[in-house]
PDB file of N, CA and C in Angstrom:
ATOM      1  N   MET A   1       7.995  -8.630   6.796  1.00  0.00           N
ATOM      2  CA  MET A   1       7.981  -9.095   5.547  1.00  0.00           C
ATOM      3  C   MET A   1       6.082  -9.346   5.498  1.00  0.00           C
ATOM      4  N   VAL A   2       6.248 -10.166   6.539  1.00  0.00           N
ATOM      5  CA  VAL A   2       4.951 -10.529   6.475  1.00  0.00           C
ATOM      6  C   VAL A   2       3.673  -8.691   6.789  1.00  0.00           C
ATOM      7  N   ALA A   3       4.216  -8.041   6.882  1.00  0.00           N
ATOM      8  CA  ALA A   3       3.158  -7.012   6.935  1.00  0.00           C
ATOM      9  C   ALA A   3       3.745  -6.689   5.619  1.00  0.00           C
ATOM     10  N   GLN A   4       4.377  -6.528   4.603  1.00  0.00           N
ATOM     11  CA  GLN A   4       4.736  -6.117   3.000  1.00  0.00           C
ATOM     12  C   GLN A   4       3.359  -6.961   2.124  1.00  0.00           C
ATOM     13  N   ALA A   5       3.940  -8.365   3.215  1.00  0.00           N
ATOM     14  CA  ALA A   5       2.631  -9.068   2.178  1.00  0.00           C
ATOM     15  C   ALA A   5       1.267  -8.915   2.585  1.00  0.00           C
ATOM     16  N   LEU A   6       1.027  -8.382   3.133  1.00  0.00           N
ATOM     17  CA  LEU A   6      -0.653  -8.051   3.964  1.00  0.00           C
ATOM     18  C   LEU A   6      -0.977  -7.236   3.489  1.00  0.00           C
ATOM     19  N   MET A   7      -0.381  -5.963   2.945  1.00  0.00           N
ATOM     20  CA  MET A   7      -0.435  -4.758   2.133  1.00  0.00           C
ATOM     21  C   MET A   7      -1.221  -5.663   0.307  1.00  0.00           C
ATOM     22  N   ASP A   8       0.401  -6.005   0.116  1.00  0.00           N
ATOM     23  CA  ASP A   8       0.312  -6.618  -1.148  1.00  0.00           C
ATOM     24  C   ASP A   8      -1.069  -7.147  -1.371  1.00  0.00           C
ATOM     25  N   ILE A   9      -1.871  -7.551  -0.184  1.00  0.00           N
ATOM     26  CA  ILE A   9      -2.872  -8.424  -0.848  1.00  0.00           C
ATOM     27  C   ILE A   9      -3.922  -7.731  -0.027  1.00  0.00           C
ATOM     28  N   GLN A  10      -4.169  -6.364   0.583  1.00  0.00           N
ATOM     29  CA  GLN A  10      -4.492  -5.441   0.895  1.00  0.00           C
ATOM     30  C   GLN A  10      -5.618  -5.789   2.291  1.00  0.00           C
ATOM     31  N   GLU A  11      -4.566  -6.088   2.993  1.00  0.00           N
ATOM     32  CA  GLU A  11      -4.805  -5.880   4.468  1.00  0.00           C
ATOM     33  C   GLU A  11      -4.269  -5.562   4.900  1.00  0.00           C
ATOM     34  N   PRO A  12      -4.284  -4.006   5.168  1.00  0.00           N
ATOM     35  CA  PRO A  12      -4.032  -2.773   5.850  1.00  0.00           C
ATOM     36  C   PRO A  12      -3.943  -3.346   7.185  1.00  0.00           C
ATOM     37  N   GLU A  13      -5.290  -2.790   7.616  1.00  0.00           N
ATOM     38  CA  GLU A  13      -5.425  -3.313   8.948  1.00  0.00           C
ATOM     39  C   GLU A  13      -4.357  -4.291  10.184  1.00  0.00           C
ATOM     40  N   GLU A  14      -3.884  -5.007   9.176  1.00  0.00           N
ATOM     41  CA  GLU A  14      -3.768  -6.542   9.785  1.00  0.00           C
ATOM     42  C   GLU A  14      -2.084  -6.249   9.752  1.00  0.00           C
ATOM     43  N   ALA A  15      -1.685  -5.396   8.824  1.00  0.00           N
ATOM     44  CA  ALA A  15       0.446  -4.970   8.188  1.00  0.00           C
ATOM     45  C   ALA A  15       0.052  -4.075   9.826  1.00  0.00           C
ATOM     46  N   ILE A  16      -0.319  -3.343   9.750  1.00  0.00           N
ATOM     47  CA  ILE A  16      -0.358  -2.043  10.421  1.00  0.00           C
ATOM     48  C   ILE A  16      -0.029  -3.106  11.800  1.00  0.00           C
ATOM     49  N   ILE A  17      -0.455  -4.193  12.323  1.00  0.00           N
ATOM     50  CA  ILE A  17      -0.378  -4.740  13.484  1.00  0.00           C
ATOM     51  C   ILE A  17       1.542  -5.254  13.388  1.00  0.00           C
ATOM     52  N   TYR A  18       1.927  -5.606  12.601  1.00  0.00           N
ATOM     53  CA  TYR A  18       3.249  -6.328  11.753  1.00  0.00           C
ATOM     54  C   TYR A  18       4.215  -5.303  11.773  1.00  0.00           C
ATOM     55  N   PHE A  19       3.623  -4.145  11.090  1.00  0.00           N
ATOM     56  CA  PHE A  19       4.417  -2.983  11.396  1.00  0.00           C
ATOM     57  C   PHE A  19       5.268  -1.982  12.317  1.00  0.00           C
ATOM     58  N   GLU A  20       3.910  -2.067  13.194  1.00  0.00           N
ATOM     59  CA  GLU A  20       4.153  -2.019  14.730  1.00  0.00           C
ATOM     60  C   GLU A  20       5.205  -2.891  15.493  1.00  0.00           C
ATOM     61  N   LYS A  21       5.112  -3.849  15.317  1.00  0.00           N
ATOM     62  CA  LYS A  21       5.860  -5.277  16.042  1.00  0.00           C
ATOM     63  C   LYS A  21       7.968  -4.677  15.658  1.00  0.00           C
ATOM     64  N   ALA A  22       7.661  -5.148  14.584  1.00  0.00           N
ATOM     65  CA  ALA A  22       8.638  -3.831  13.480  1.00  0.00           C
ATOM     66  C   ALA A  22       9.415  -3.318  14.004  1.00  0.00           C
ATOM     67  N   LEU A  23       8.422  -2.022  14.206  1.00  0.00           N
ATOM     68  CA  LEU A  23       9.019  -1.153  14.799  1.00  0.00           C
ATOM     69  C   LEU A  23       9.849  -1.042  16.074  1.00  0.00           C
ATOM     70  N   GLU A  24       8.745  -2.171  16.472  1.00  0.00           N
ATOM     71  CA  GLU A  24       9.732  -1.984  18.366  1.00  0.00           C
ATOM     72  C   GLU A  24      11.110  -1.972  18.402  1.00  0.00           C
ATOM     73  N   ARG A  25      11.151  -3.215  17.493  1.00  0.00           N
ATOM     74  CA  ARG A  25      12.862  -3.453  17.597  1.00  0.00           C
ATOM     75  C   ARG A  25      13.847  -2.386  16.929  1.00  0.00           C
ATOM     76  N   GLN A  26      12.986  -1.853  15.130  1.00  0.00           N
ATOM     77  CA  GLN A  26      14.079  -1.516  14.774  1.00  0.00           C
ATOM     78  C   GLN A  26      13.242   0.520  14.785  1.00  0.00           C
ATOM     79  N   ARG A  27      12.829   1.051  15.365  1.00  0.00           N
ATOM     80  CA  ARG A  27      12.934   2.234  15.767  1.00  0.00           C
ATOM     81  C   ARG A  27      12.722   3.457  14.550  1.00  0.00           C
ATOM     82  N   GLU A  28      14.476   2.990  14.497  1.00  0.00           N
ATOM     83  CA  GLU A  28      14.728   4.411  13.730  1.00  0.00           C
ATOM     84  C   GLU A  28      14.640   3.729  11.954  1.00  0.00           C
ATOM     85  N   ASP A  29      14.034   2.579  11.657  1.00  0.00           N
ATOM     86  CA  ASP A  29      13.719   3.008   9.861  1.00  0.00           C
ATOM     87  C   ASP A  29      12.674   3.908   9.603  1.00  0.00           C
ATOM     88  N   VAL A  30      13.605   4.308   8.653  1.00  0.00           N
ATOM     89  CA  VAL A  30      12.224   5.218   8.623  1.00  0.00           C
ATOM     90  C   VAL A  30      11.027   4.865   7.096  1.00  0.00           C
ATOM     91  N   GLN A  31      11.964   4.027   6.586  1.00  0.00           N
ATOM     92  CA  GLN A  31      10.279   2.803   5.764  1.00  0.00           C
ATOM     93  C   GLN A  31      10.073   2.043   6.396  1.00  0.00           C
ATOM     94  N   LEU A  32      10.278   1.367   7.536  1.00  0.00           N
ATOM     95  CA  LEU A  32       8.203   1.158   8.849  1.00  0.00           C
ATOM     96  C   LEU A  32       7.596   1.985   8.688  1.00  0.00           C
ATOM     97  N   VAL A  33       8.061   3.717   9.208  1.00  0.00           N
ATOM     98  CA  VAL A  33       7.684   4.057   9.171  1.00  0.00           C
ATOM     99  C   VAL A  33       6.428   4.932   8.670  1.00  0.00           C
ATOM    100  N   ARG A  34       6.972   4.921   7.209  1.00  0.00           N
ATOM    101  CA  ARG A  34       6.397   5.522   6.164  1.00  0.00           C
ATOM    102  C   ARG A  34       5.337   4.648   6.213  1.00  0.00           C
ATOM    103  N   GLU A  35       5.449   3.496   6.179  1.00  0.00           N
ATOM    104  CA  GLU A  35       4.879   2.037   5.757  1.00  0.00           C
ATOM    105  C   GLU A  35       3.856   1.765   6.688  1.00  0.00           C
ATOM    106  N   VAL A  36       3.527   2.203   8.083  1.00  0.00           N
ATOM    107  CA  VAL A  36       2.753   2.509   8.956  1.00  0.00           C
ATOM    108  C   VAL A  36       2.121   3.673   8.451  1.00  0.00           C
ATOM    109  N   GLY A  37       2.092   4.413   8.172  1.00  0.00           N
ATOM    110  CA  GLY A  37       1.530   5.586   7.584  1.00  0.00           C
ATOM    111  C   GLY A  37       0.322   5.720   6.729  1.00  0.00           C
ATOM    112  N   ARG A  38       0.929   4.866   5.410  1.00  0.00           N
ATOM    113  CA  ARG A  38       0.988   4.513   4.211  1.00  0.00           C
ATOM    114  C   ARG A  38      -0.200   3.464   5.130  1.00  0.00           C
ATOM    115  N   ALA A  39      -0.005   2.849   5.716  1.00  0.00           N
ATOM    116  CA  ALA A  39      -0.914   1.557   5.955  1.00  0.00           C
ATOM    117  C   ALA A  39      -2.399   2.379   6.250  1.00  0.00           C
ATOM    118  N   LEU A  40      -2.442   2.853   7.431  1.00  0.00           N
ATOM    119  CA  LEU A  40      -3.496   3.918   8.316  1.00  0.00           C
ATOM    120  C   LEU A  40      -4.164   4.268   7.229  1.00  0.00           C
ATOM    121  N   VAL A  41      -3.819   5.108   5.698  1.00  0.00           N
ATOM    122  CA  VAL A  41      -4.512   5.741   4.958  1.00  0.00           C
ATOM    123  C   VAL A  41      -4.885   5.397   4.326  1.00  0.00           C
ATOM    124  N   MET A  42      -4.781   3.827   3.926  1.00  0.00           N
ATOM    125  CA  MET A  42      -4.954   2.785   3.722  1.00  0.00           C
ATOM    126  C   MET A  42      -6.463   2.389   4.082  1.00  0.00           C
ATOM    127  N   THR A  43      -6.508   2.397   5.072  1.00  0.00           N
ATOM    128  CA  THR A  43      -7.043   1.917   5.751  1.00  0.00           C
ATOM    129  C   THR A  43      -8.995   3.483   6.042  1.00  0.00           C
ATOM    130  N   HIS A  44      -8.586   3.724   5.629  1.00  0.00           N
ATOM    131  CA  HIS A  44      -9.386   5.525   5.608  1.00  0.00           C
ATOM    132  C   HIS A  44      -9.387   6.022   6.717  1.00  0.00           C
ATOM    133  N   ASP A  45      -8.466   5.674   8.096  1.00  0.00           N
ATOM    134  CA  ASP A  45      -8.764   6.169   9.091  1.00  0.00           C
ATOM    135  C   ASP A  45      -8.172   6.770   9.025  1.00  0.00           C
ATOM    136  N   TYR A  46      -8.195   8.761   8.670  1.00  0.00           N
ATOM    137  CA  TYR A  46      -7.365   9.426   8.602  1.00  0.00           C
ATOM    138  C   TYR A  46      -7.154  10.021   9.610  1.00  0.00           C
ATOM    139  N   ASN A  47      -7.828  10.317  10.054  1.00  0.00           N
ATOM    140  CA  ASN A  47      -7.604  10.655  11.404  1.00  0.00           C
ATOM    141  C   ASN A  47      -6.262  10.392  12.188  1.00  0.00           C
ATOM    142  N   ARG A  48      -6.308   8.673  12.785  1.00  0.00           N
ATOM    143  CA  ARG A  48      -5.244   8.312  13.174  1.00  0.00           C
ATOM    144  C   ARG A  48      -4.718   7.934  12.235  1.00  0.00           C
ATOM    145  N   ALA A  49      -4.313   8.790  10.808  1.00  0.00           N
ATOM    146  CA  ALA A  49      -3.059   8.744   9.870  1.00  0.00           C
ATOM    147  C   ALA A  49      -2.529   9.910  11.171  1.00  0.00           C
ATOM    148  N   VAL A  50      -3.311  10.746  10.466  1.00  0.00           N
ATOM    149  CA  VAL A  50      -2.589  12.423  10.836  1.00  0.00           C
ATOM    150  C   VAL A  50      -2.196  12.396  11.697  1.00  0.00           C
ATOM    151  N   LYS A  51      -3.063  12.101  13.520  1.00  0.00           N
ATOM    152  CA  LYS A  51      -2.118  12.200  14.577  1.00  0.00           C
ATOM    153  C   LYS A  51      -0.756  10.861  14.793  1.00  0.00           C
ATOM    154  N   TYR A  52      -0.730  10.232  14.001  1.00  0.00           N
ATOM    155  CA  TYR A  52       0.606   9.244  13.802  1.00  0.00           C
ATOM    156  C   TYR A  52       1.615  10.213  13.298  1.00  0.00           C
ATOM    157  N   TYR A  53       1.398  10.479  11.988  1.00  0.00           N
ATOM    158  CA  TYR A  53       2.443  11.768  11.113  1.00  0.00           C
ATOM    159  C   TYR A  53       3.016  12.261  12.454  1.00  0.00           C
ATOM    160  N   GLU A  54       1.805  13.027  12.839  1.00  0.00           N
ATOM    161  CA  GLU A  54       1.677  14.547  13.682  1.00  0.00           C
ATOM    162  C   GLU A  54       2.517  14.064  14.667  1.00  0.00           C
ATOM    163  N   THR A  55       2.472  13.124  15.214  1.00  0.00           N
ATOM    164  CA  THR A  55       3.934  12.568  16.623  1.00  0.00           C
ATOM    165  C   THR A  55       4.624  12.022  16.227  1.00  0.00           C
ATOM    166  N   ARG A  56       4.701  11.282  14.800  1.00  0.00           N
ATOM    167  CA  ARG A  56       6.275  10.983  14.800  1.00  0.00           C
ATOM    168  C   ARG A  56       7.090  12.312  14.334  1.00  0.00           C
ATOM    169  N   LEU A  57       6.020  13.402  13.869  1.00  0.00           N
ATOM    170  CA  LEU A  57       7.538  14.154  12.672  1.00  0.00           C
ATOM    171  C   LEU A  57       7.315  14.734  14.070  1.00  0.00           C
ATOM    172  N   LYS A  58       6.713  15.712  16.061  1.00  0.00           N
ATOM    173  CA  LYS A  58       7.512  15.771  17.099  1.00  0.00           C
ATOM    174  C   LYS A  58       8.182  14.918  17.556  1.00  0.00           C
ATOM    175  N   GLU A  59       8.464  13.963  17.487  1.00  0.00           N
ATOM    176  CA  GLU A  59       9.493  13.300  18.226  1.00  0.00           C
ATOM    177  C   GLU A  59      10.674  13.241  17.552  1.00  0.00           C
ATOM    178  N   ASP A  60      10.811  12.906  15.678  1.00  0.00           N
ATOM    179  CA  ASP A  60      11.689  12.994  14.628  1.00  0.00           C
ATOM    180  C   ASP A  60      11.481  13.892  13.588  1.00  0.00           C
ATOM    181  N   PRO A  61      12.186  15.401  13.878  1.00  0.00           N
ATOM    182  CA  PRO A  61      11.627  16.056  12.729  1.00  0.00           C
ATOM    183  C   PRO A  61      12.209  15.845  11.562  1.00  0.00           C
ATOM    184  N   LYS A  62      13.954  15.655  12.441  1.00  0.00           N
ATOM    185  CA  LYS A  62      14.468  15.251  10.620  1.00  0.00           C
ATOM    186  C   LYS A  62      13.548  13.682   9.707  1.00  0.00           C
ATOM    187  N   LEU A  63      12.622  13.548   9.600  1.00  0.00           N
ATOM    188  CA  LEU A  63      11.483  12.378   9.012  1.00  0.00           C
ATOM    189  C   LEU A  63      11.036  13.112   7.901  1.00  0.00           C
ATOM    190  N   LEU A  64      12.143  14.217   6.868  1.00  0.00           N
ATOM    191  CA  LEU A  64      11.612  14.234   5.287  1.00  0.00           C
ATOM    192  C   LEU A  64      10.834  13.929   5.183  1.00  0.00           C
ATOM    193  N   ASP A  65      11.132  12.287   5.174  1.00  0.00           N
ATOM    194  CA  ASP A  65      10.127  12.009   3.742  1.00  0.00           C
ATOM    195  C   ASP A  65       7.856  12.265   4.540  1.00  0.00           C
ATOM    196  N   LEU A  66       7.659  11.406   5.249  1.00  0.00           N
ATOM    197  CA  LEU A  66       6.579  11.626   6.558  1.00  0.00           C
ATOM    198  C   LEU A  66       6.255  13.495   6.055  1.00  0.00           C
ATOM    199  N   ARG A  67       7.123  14.507   6.269  1.00  0.00           N
ATOM    200  CA  ARG A  67       6.343  15.292   5.850  1.00  0.00           C
ATOM    201  C   ARG A  67       5.842  15.415   4.330  1.00  0.00           C
ATOM    202  N   ILE A  68       6.073  14.545   3.749  1.00  0.00           N
ATOM    203  CA  ILE A  68       5.185  14.952   2.406  1.00  0.00           C
ATOM    204  C   ILE A  68       4.408  13.843   2.530  1.00  0.00           C
ATOM    205  N   ASP A  69       4.163  13.172   3.258  1.00  0.00           N
ATOM    206  CA  ASP A  69       3.528  12.514   3.058  1.00  0.00           C
ATOM    207  C   ASP A  69       2.242  12.491   3.723  1.00  0.00           C
ATOM    208  N   LEU A  70       2.736  13.221   4.855  1.00  0.00           N
ATOM    209  CA  LEU A  70       1.305  14.358   5.917  1.00  0.00           C
ATOM    210  C   LEU A  70       0.944  15.183   5.084  1.00  0.00           C
ATOM    211  N   ALA A  71       1.761  16.312   4.101  1.00  0.00           N
ATOM    212  CA  ALA A  71       0.913  17.408   3.355  1.00  0.00           C
ATOM    213  C   ALA A  71       0.094  16.571   2.319  1.00  0.00           C
ATOM    214  N   GLU A  72       0.168  15.399   2.089  1.00  0.00           N
ATOM    215  CA  GLU A  72      -0.333  15.248   0.739  1.00  0.00           C
ATOM    216  C   GLU A  72      -1.547  14.898   1.518  1.00  0.00           C
ATOM    217  N   LEU A  73      -1.476  13.915   2.818  1.00  0.00           N
ATOM    218  CA  LEU A  73      -2.212  13.976   2.637  1.00  0.00           C
ATOM    219  C   LEU A  73      -4.109  14.772   3.456  1.00  0.00           C
ATOM    220  N   TYR A  74      -3.034  16.020   4.202  1.00  0.00           N
ATOM    221  CA  TYR A  74      -4.054  16.937   3.913  1.00  0.00           C
ATOM    222  C   TYR A  74      -4.070  17.455   3.401  1.00  0.00           C
ATOM    223  N   TYR A  75      -3.792  17.876   1.934  1.00  0.00           N
ATOM    224  CA  TYR A  75      -4.196  18.212   0.801  1.00  0.00           C
ATOM    225  C   TYR A  75      -5.705  17.238   0.421  1.00  0.00           C
ATOM    226  N   LYS A  76      -5.011  15.736   0.117  1.00  0.00           N
ATOM    227  CA  LYS A  76      -6.121  15.200   0.291  1.00  0.00           C
ATOM    228  C   LYS A  76      -7.510  15.329   0.488  1.00  0.00           C
ATOM    229  N   LEU A  77      -7.425  15.470   1.812  1.00  0.00           N
ATOM    230  CA  LEU A  77      -7.851  15.617   2.894  1.00  0.00           C
ATOM    231  C   LEU A  77      -8.654  17.094   2.698  1.00  0.00           C
ATOM    232  N   LYS A  78      -8.459  17.654   1.254  1.00  0.00           N
ATOM    233  CA  LYS A  78      -8.693  19.758   1.480  1.00  0.00           C
ATOM    234  C   LYS A  78      -8.155  19.901   2.444  1.00  0.00           C
ATOM    235  N   VAL A  79      -7.696  19.913   3.142  1.00  0.00           N
ATOM    236  CA  VAL A  79      -7.482  21.084   4.858  1.00  0.00           C
ATOM    237  C   VAL A  79      -6.238  21.482   4.307  1.00  0.00           C
ATOM    238  N   HIS A  80      -6.022  22.915   3.379  1.00  0.00           N
ATOM    239  CA  HIS A  80      -4.693  23.347   2.387  1.00  0.00           C
ATOM    240  C   HIS A  80      -4.210  23.583   3.339  1.00  0.00           C
ATOM    241  N   GLU A  81      -4.953  24.732   4.951  1.00  0.00           N
ATOM    242  CA  GLU A  81      -3.793  25.390   5.556  1.00  0.00           C
ATOM    243  C   GLU A  81      -2.625  24.421   6.313  1.00  0.00           C
ATOM    244  N   GLU A  82      -3.846  23.249   6.511  1.00  0.00           N
ATOM    245  CA  GLU A  82      -2.443  22.682   6.972  1.00  0.00           C
ATOM    246  C   GLU A  82      -1.158  21.785   6.898  1.00  0.00           C
ATOM    247  N   ALA A  83      -2.162  21.857   4.939  1.00  0.00           N
ATOM    248  CA  ALA A  83      -1.099  21.129   4.199  1.00  0.00           C
ATOM    249  C   ALA A  83       0.095  22.071   3.920  1.00  0.00           C
ATOM    250  N   LYS A  84      -0.423  23.810   4.065  1.00  0.00           N
ATOM    251  CA  LYS A  84       1.061  24.404   3.698  1.00  0.00           C
ATOM    252  C   LYS A  84       1.514  24.410   4.730  1.00  0.00           C
ATOM    253  N   ARG A  85       1.298  24.029   6.379  1.00  0.00           N
ATOM    254  CA  ARG A  85       1.784  24.401   7.404  1.00  0.00           C
ATOM    255  C   ARG A  85       3.427  23.175   7.276  1.00  0.00           C
ATOM    256  N   VAL A  86       2.745  22.625   7.150  1.00  0.00           N
ATOM    257  CA  VAL A  86       3.457  21.228   6.946  1.00  0.00           C
ATOM    258  C   VAL A  86       4.777  21.336   5.674  1.00  0.00           C
ATOM    259  N   LEU A  87       4.211  21.710   4.937  1.00  0.00           N
ATOM    260  CA  LEU A  87       5.317  22.271   3.789  1.00  0.00           C
ATOM    261  C   LEU A  87       6.187  22.957   4.031  1.00  0.00           C
ATOM    262  N   ILE A  88       5.415  24.223   4.432  1.00  0.00           N
ATOM    263  CA  ILE A  88       6.442  25.078   5.273  1.00  0.00           C
ATOM    264  C   ILE A  88       7.617  24.884   5.957  1.00  0.00           C
ATOM    265  N   ASP A  89       6.975  24.347   7.365  1.00  0.00           N
ATOM    266  CA  ASP A  89       7.605  23.914   8.145  1.00  0.00           C
ATOM    267  C   ASP A  89       8.885  23.014   7.974  1.00  0.00           C
ATOM    268  N   ALA A  90       8.532  22.601   6.978  1.00  0.00           N
ATOM    269  CA  ALA A  90       9.643  21.553   6.032  1.00  0.00           C
ATOM    270  C   ALA A  90      10.197  22.031   5.515  1.00  0.00           C
ATOM    271  N   LEU A  91      10.300  22.870   4.416  1.00  0.00           N
ATOM    272  CA  LEU A  91      11.107  24.260   3.485  1.00  0.00           C
ATOM    273  C   LEU A  91      12.179  24.509   5.278  1.00  0.00           C
ATOM    274  N   LYS A  92      11.635  25.585   5.608  1.00  0.00           N
ATOM    275  CA  LYS A  92      12.428  26.107   6.802  1.00  0.00           C
ATOM    276  C   LYS A  92      13.298  24.173   7.636  1.00  0.00           C
ATOM    277  N   TYR A  93      12.762  23.766   8.123  1.00  0.00           N
ATOM    278  CA  TYR A  93      13.856  23.038   8.692  1.00  0.00           C
ATOM    279  C   TYR A  93      14.888  22.640   8.006  1.00  0.00           C
ATOM    280  N   ILE A  94      14.894  21.945   6.720  1.00  0.00           N
ATOM    281  CA  ILE A  94      15.667  21.845   5.519  1.00  0.00           C
ATOM    282  C   ILE A  94      17.361  23.384   5.210  1.00  0.00           C
ATOM    283  N   LYS A  95      16.545  24.438   5.148  1.00  0.00           N
ATOM    284  CA  LYS A  95      16.997  25.387   5.038  1.00  0.00           C
ATOM    285  C   LYS A  95      18.177  25.766   6.349  1.00  0.00           C
ATOM    286  N   SER A  96      17.292  25.263   7.502  1.00  0.00           N
ATOM    287  CA  SER A  96      18.349  25.285   8.826  1.00  0.00           C
ATOM    288  C   SER A  96      19.096  24.697   8.758  1.00  0.00           C
ATOM    289  N   GLN A  97      19.025  23.554   7.717  1.00  0.00           N
ATOM    290  CA  GLN A  97      20.422  22.440   7.773  1.00  0.00           C
ATOM    291  C   GLN A  97      21.576  22.491   7.337  1.00  0.00           C
ATOM    292  N   ASP A  98      22.801  22.129   7.781  1.00  0.00           N
ATOM    293  CA  ASP A  98      23.979  22.181   6.723  1.00  0.00           C
ATOM    294  C   ASP A  98      24.465  21.271   5.989  1.00  0.00           C
ATOM    295  N   THR A  99      23.632  20.258   5.720  1.00  0.00           N
ATOM    296  CA  THR A  99      23.258  19.653   4.436  1.00  0.00           C
ATOM    297  C   THR A  99      22.512  20.279   3.035  1.00  0.00           C
ATOM    298  N   TYR A 100      21.898  21.662   3.595  1.00  0.00           N
ATOM    299  CA  TYR A 100      20.493  22.268   2.737  1.00  0.00           C
ATOM    300  C   TYR A 100      21.612  22.253   0.704  1.00  0.00           C
ATOM    301  N   ASN A 101      22.797  22.818   0.868  1.00  0.00           N
ATOM    302  CA  ASN A 101      22.993  22.595  -0.622  1.00  0.00           C
ATOM    303  C   ASN A 101      23.132  21.020  -1.111  1.00  0.00           C
ATOM    304  N   SER A 102      23.052  20.294  -0.718  1.00  0.00           N
ATOM    305  CA  SER A 102      23.257  19.051  -1.520  1.00  0.00           C
ATOM    306  C   SER A 102      22.297  18.636  -1.865  1.00  0.00           C
ATOM    307  N   LEU A 103      22.105  17.855  -3.530  1.00  0.00           N
ATOM    308  CA  LEU A 103      21.143  17.795  -4.333  1.00  0.00           C
ATOM    309  C   LEU A 103      20.198  17.117  -3.518  1.00  0.00           C
ATOM    310  N   GLU A 104      20.104  15.834  -2.518  1.00  0.00           N
ATOM    311  CA  GLU A 104      19.007  15.059  -1.883  1.00  0.00           C
ATOM    312  C   GLU A 104      18.211  16.337  -1.042  1.00  0.00           C
ATOM    313  N   MET A 105      18.640  16.929  -0.654  1.00  0.00           N
ATOM    314  CA  MET A 105      18.098  18.607  -0.535  1.00  0.00           C
ATOM    315  C   MET A 105      16.816  19.370  -0.983  1.00  0.00           C
ATOM    316  N   LYS A 106      18.009  19.137  -1.805  1.00  0.00           N
ATOM    317  CA  LYS A 106      16.771  20.445  -3.490  1.00  0.00           C
ATOM    318  C   LYS A 106      16.085  19.611  -4.245  1.00  0.00           C
ATOM    319  N   ILE A 107      16.379  18.354  -4.161  1.00  0.00           N
ATOM    320  CA  ILE A 107      15.665  17.178  -4.946  1.00  0.00           C
ATOM    321  C   ILE A 107      13.849  17.698  -3.790  1.00  0.00           C
ATOM    322  N   ARG A 108      14.520  17.085  -2.438  1.00  0.00           N
ATOM    323  CA  ARG A 108      13.377  17.700  -2.004  1.00  0.00           C
ATOM    324  C   ARG A 108      12.470  18.861  -1.561  1.00  0.00           C
ATOM    325  N   CYS A 109      13.292  20.546  -1.853  1.00  0.00           N
ATOM    326  CA  CYS A 109      12.538  21.238  -1.733  1.00  0.00           C
ATOM    327  C   CYS A 109      12.074  21.253  -3.059  1.00  0.00           C
ATOM    328  N   VAL A 110      12.104  20.990  -4.326  1.00  0.00           N
ATOM    329  CA  VAL A 110      10.905  20.978  -5.071  1.00  0.00           C
ATOM    330  C   VAL A 110      10.172  20.035  -5.136  1.00  0.00           C
ATOM    331  N   LYS A 111      10.499  19.467  -5.261  1.00  0.00           N
ATOM    332  CA  LYS A 111       9.113  18.377  -4.265  1.00  0.00           C
ATOM    333  C   LYS A 111       7.818  19.075  -3.663  1.00  0.00           C
ATOM    334  N   TYR A 112       8.736  19.144  -2.514  1.00  0.00           N
ATOM    335  CA  TYR A 112       8.194  20.152  -1.164  1.00  0.00           C
ATOM    336  C   TYR A 112       7.196  21.339  -1.617  1.00  0.00           C
ATOM    337  N   LEU A 113       8.296  21.794  -2.981  1.00  0.00           N
ATOM    338  CA  LEU A 113       7.376  23.490  -4.114  1.00  0.00           C
ATOM    339  C   LEU A 113       6.330  22.810  -4.366  1.00  0.00           C
ATOM    340  N   LEU A 114       6.969  21.916  -5.543  1.00  0.00           N
ATOM    341  CA  LEU A 114       5.465  21.294  -6.174  1.00  0.00           C
ATOM    342  C   LEU A 114       4.271  21.240  -5.317  1.00  0.00           C
ATOM    343  N   LEU A 115       4.332  20.820  -4.633  1.00  0.00           N
ATOM    344  CA  LEU A 115       2.684  20.090  -3.724  1.00  0.00           C
ATOM    345  C   LEU A 115       2.388  22.061  -3.273  1.00  0.00           C
ATOM    346  N   LEU A 116       3.664  22.747  -2.215  1.00  0.00           N
ATOM    347  CA  LEU A 116       2.722  23.790  -2.521  1.00  0.00           C
ATOM    348  C   LEU A 116       1.790  24.835  -3.300  1.00  0.00           C
ATOM    349  N   ALA A 117       2.744  24.391  -4.640  1.00  0.00           N
ATOM    350  CA  ALA A 117       1.896  25.741  -5.038  1.00  0.00           C
ATOM    351  C   ALA A 117       0.918  24.446  -5.904  1.00  0.00           C
ATOM    352  N   LYS A 118       0.640  23.143  -5.913  1.00  0.00           N
ATOM    353  CA  LYS A 118      -0.566  22.710  -6.138  1.00  0.00           C
ATOM    354  C   LYS A 118      -1.656  23.223  -5.087  1.00  0.00           C
ATOM    355  N   VAL A 119      -1.176  22.987  -3.596  1.00  0.00           N
ATOM    356  CA  VAL A 119      -2.092  23.334  -2.335  1.00  0.00           C
ATOM    357  C   VAL A 119      -2.610  25.147  -2.892  1.00  0.00           C
ATOM    358  N   TYR A 120      -2.100  26.003  -2.968  1.00  0.00           N
ATOM    359  CA  TYR A 120      -2.248  27.374  -3.562  1.00  0.00           C
ATOM    360  C   TYR A 120      -3.383  27.713  -4.694  1.00  0.00           C
ATOM    361  N   LEU A 121      -3.011  26.309  -5.480  1.00  0.00           N
ATOM    362  CA  LEU A 121      -3.259  26.085  -6.655  1.00  0.00           C
ATOM    363  C   LEU A 121      -5.273  25.930  -6.481  1.00  0.00           C
ATOM    364  N   ASP A 122      -5.543  25.048  -5.513  1.00  0.00           N
ATOM    365  CA  ASP A 122      -6.505  24.553  -5.182  1.00  0.00           C
ATOM    366  C   ASP A 122      -7.303  24.886  -4.156  1.00  0.00           C
TER     367      ASP A 122
END
């Protein structure tokens, strides 16, 4: 809660410290993982944010929300080849899962494909 309050008052550097402490206790909390990444982006520490996202995805490839965050970051940084790689890997991963036919996964695929179209058009 402290970290979120710090984010609300535009203090992402301090929020990162609290988010990381919370992650030590709740390692599997996807929302916390995403918040750390977003805080890193807010500090304009893009290299650290990219490394953070890539590391977390290697540790746990099923963090699908992180994939869109990372792809959006690459798109923002105009690193289109990496954005394509992340999105295509995400689509391949979803296709390989048993839950591919669920509505949630189809919605994710549409989000990935829309961003992929933007990357190709840019």
